[in-house]
Amino acid sequence: MDKEVLQSNIDKVHTTPMGLERLSKNLGLDMNDVVCYCKNKVLDERCFIYKKGKNWYCEIDNIRITINSYSYTIITAHIID
């Protein structure tokens, strides 16, 4: 159910200016639209999405994206082993 809620509200997903820098740095991305990159990962059918506390965690392709479940703000993303 968490997956459906997040994916059906994908248009609300955003980040802050500082978040853009953090996401780019943590994921090693050199692109203009990091939020679009993260949204596409979340929408991928292979993405494992679960909610823990106030955040959604989205795991795919050795990446974990953390999104606040109330504001739909991408908090951070990390490469995971």
C-alpha atoms as a PDB file:
ATOM      1  CA  MET A   1       0.000   0.000   0.000  1.00  0.00           C
ATOM      2  CA  ASP A   2       2.868   2.423   0.783  1.00  0.00           C
ATOM      3  CA  LYS A   3       4.166   1.977  -2.737  1.00  0.00           C
ATOM      4  CA  GLU A   4       0.815   2.895  -4.278  1.00  0.00           C
ATOM      5  CA  VAL A   5       0.394   5.976  -2.066  1.00  0.00           C
ATOM      6  CA  LEU A   6       3.826   7.339  -2.895  1.00  0.00           C
ATOM      7  CA  GLN A   7       3.637   6.538  -6.589  1.00  0.00           C
ATOM      8  CA  SER A   8       0.162   8.050  -6.959  1.00  0.00           C
ATOM      9  CA  ASN A   9       1.484  11.295  -5.429  1.00  0.00           C
ATOM     10  CA  ILE A  10       4.738  11.387  -7.410  1.00  0.00           C
ATOM     11  CA  ASP A  11       3.946  14.910  -8.686  1.00  0.00           C
ATOM     12  CA  LYS A  12       4.278  16.197  -5.110  1.00  0.00           C
ATOM     13  CA  VAL A  13       7.823  14.844  -4.700  1.00  0.00           C
ATOM     14  CA  HIS A  14      10.429  17.628  -4.539  1.00  0.00           C
ATOM     15  CA  THR A  15      13.543  18.666  -2.648  1.00  0.00           C
ATOM     16  CA  THR A  16      15.209  21.797  -1.339  1.00  0.00           C
ATOM     17  CA  PRO A  17      18.159  23.611  -2.949  1.00  0.00           C
ATOM     18  CA  MET A  18      20.451  22.056  -0.340  1.00  0.00           C
ATOM     19  CA  GLY A  19      18.825  18.716  -1.031  1.00  0.00           C
ATOM     20  CA  LEU A  20      19.721  18.986  -4.721  1.00  0.00           C
ATOM     21  CA  GLU A  21      23.375  19.393  -3.834  1.00  0.00           C
ATOM     22  CA  ARG A  22      23.259  16.535  -1.315  1.00  0.00           C
ATOM     23  CA  LEU A  23      21.524  14.171  -3.756  1.00  0.00           C
ATOM     24  CA  SER A  24      23.948  14.957  -6.576  1.00  0.00           C
ATOM     25  CA  LYS A  25      26.957  14.477  -4.314  1.00  0.00           C
ATOM     26  CA  ASN A  26      25.745  11.299  -2.600  1.00  0.00           C
ATOM     27  CA  LEU A  27      24.722   9.600  -5.843  1.00  0.00           C
ATOM     28  CA  GLY A  28      27.623  10.919  -7.897  1.00  0.00           C
ATOM     29  CA  LEU A  29      25.280  12.504 -10.437  1.00  0.00           C
ATOM     30  CA  ASP A  30      26.163  15.288 -12.821  1.00  0.00           C
ATOM     31  CA  MET A  31      22.766  16.244 -14.258  1.00  0.00           C
ATOM     32  CA  ASN A  32      20.298  19.094 -14.132  1.00  0.00           C
ATOM     33  CA  ASP A  33      17.195  17.266 -12.916  1.00  0.00           C
ATOM     34  CA  VAL A  34      18.124  15.073  -9.978  1.00  0.00           C
ATOM     35  CA  VAL A  35      14.521  15.119  -8.716  1.00  0.00           C
ATOM     36  CA  CYS A  36      13.300  13.643 -12.018  1.00  0.00           C
ATOM     37  CA  TYR A  37      16.010  10.977 -11.737  1.00  0.00           C
ATOM     38  CA  CYS A  38      14.772  10.045  -8.245  1.00  0.00           C
ATOM     39  CA  LYS A  39      11.111  10.077  -9.311  1.00  0.00           C
ATOM     40  CA  ASN A  40      11.887   7.690 -12.152  1.00  0.00           C
ATOM     41  CA  LYS A  41      13.601   5.352  -9.700  1.00  0.00           C
ATOM     42  CA  VAL A  42      10.550   5.475  -7.390  1.00  0.00           C
ATOM     43  CA  LEU A  43       8.197   4.724 -10.295  1.00  0.00           C
ATOM     44  CA  ASP A  44      10.248   1.748 -11.497  1.00  0.00           C
ATOM     45  CA  GLU A  45       8.307  -1.463 -10.899  1.00  0.00           C
ATOM     46  CA  ARG A  46      11.422  -3.047  -9.354  1.00  0.00           C
ATOM     47  CA  CYS A  47      11.629  -0.371  -6.652  1.00  0.00           C
ATOM     48  CA  PHE A  48      11.122  -1.733  -3.120  1.00  0.00           C
ATOM     49  CA  ILE A  49       9.236   0.921  -1.145  1.00  0.00           C
ATOM     50  CA  TYR A  50       8.480   0.769   2.558  1.00  0.00           C
ATOM     51  CA  LYS A  51       7.496   3.248   5.240  1.00  0.00           C
ATOM     52  CA  LYS A  52       9.296   3.484   8.558  1.00  0.00           C
ATOM     53  CA  GLY A  53       8.196   6.231  10.935  1.00  0.00           C
ATOM     54  CA  LYS A  54       7.653   9.454   9.036  1.00  0.00           C
ATOM     55  CA  ASN A  55       9.676   8.483   5.954  1.00  0.00           C
ATOM     56  CA  TRP A  56       9.384   6.324   2.882  1.00  0.00           C
ATOM     57  CA  TYR A  57      12.461   4.390   1.852  1.00  0.00           C
ATOM     58  CA  CYS A  58      12.825   3.473  -1.792  1.00  0.00           C
ATOM     59  CA  GLU A  59      15.478   0.935  -2.748  1.00  0.00           C
ATOM     60  CA  ILE A  60      16.521   0.108  -6.293  1.00  0.00           C
ATOM     61  CA  ASP A  61      19.778  -0.403  -8.202  1.00  0.00           C
ATOM     62  CA  ASN A  62      21.890  -0.149  -5.004  1.00  0.00           C
ATOM     63  CA  ILE A  63      20.319   3.234  -4.160  1.00  0.00           C
ATOM     64  CA  ARG A  64      18.180   4.139  -1.144  1.00  0.00           C
ATOM     65  CA  ILE A  65      16.082   7.297  -1.496  1.00  0.00           C
ATOM     66  CA  THR A  66      14.507   8.745   1.656  1.00  0.00           C
ATOM     67  CA  ILE A  67      11.302  10.772   1.233  1.00  0.00           C
ATOM     68  CA  ASN A  68       9.320  12.476   3.988  1.00  0.00           C
ATOM     69  CA  SER A  69       5.829  10.968   3.909  1.00  0.00           C
ATOM     70  CA  TYR A  70       4.055  14.191   4.925  1.00  0.00           C
ATOM     71  CA  SER A  71       5.759  16.806   2.768  1.00  0.00           C
ATOM     72  CA  TYR A  72       6.957  14.527  -0.069  1.00  0.00           C
ATOM     73  CA  THR A  73      10.410  16.083   0.263  1.00  0.00           C
ATOM     74  CA  ILE A  74      13.353  13.964  -0.858  1.00  0.00           C
ATOM     75  CA  ILE A  75      15.557  14.158   2.219  1.00  0.00           C
ATOM     76  CA  THR A  76      18.554  12.217   1.007  1.00  0.00           C
ATOM     77  CA  ALA A  77      19.721   9.353  -1.148  1.00  0.00           C
ATOM     78  CA  HIS A  78      22.679   7.036  -0.753  1.00  0.00           C
ATOM     79  CA  ILE A  79      24.407   4.262  -2.606  1.00  0.00           C
ATOM     80  CA  ILE A  80      23.995   1.048  -0.629  1.00  0.00           C
ATOM     81  CA  ASP A  81      25.966  -2.201  -0.833  1.00  0.00           C
END
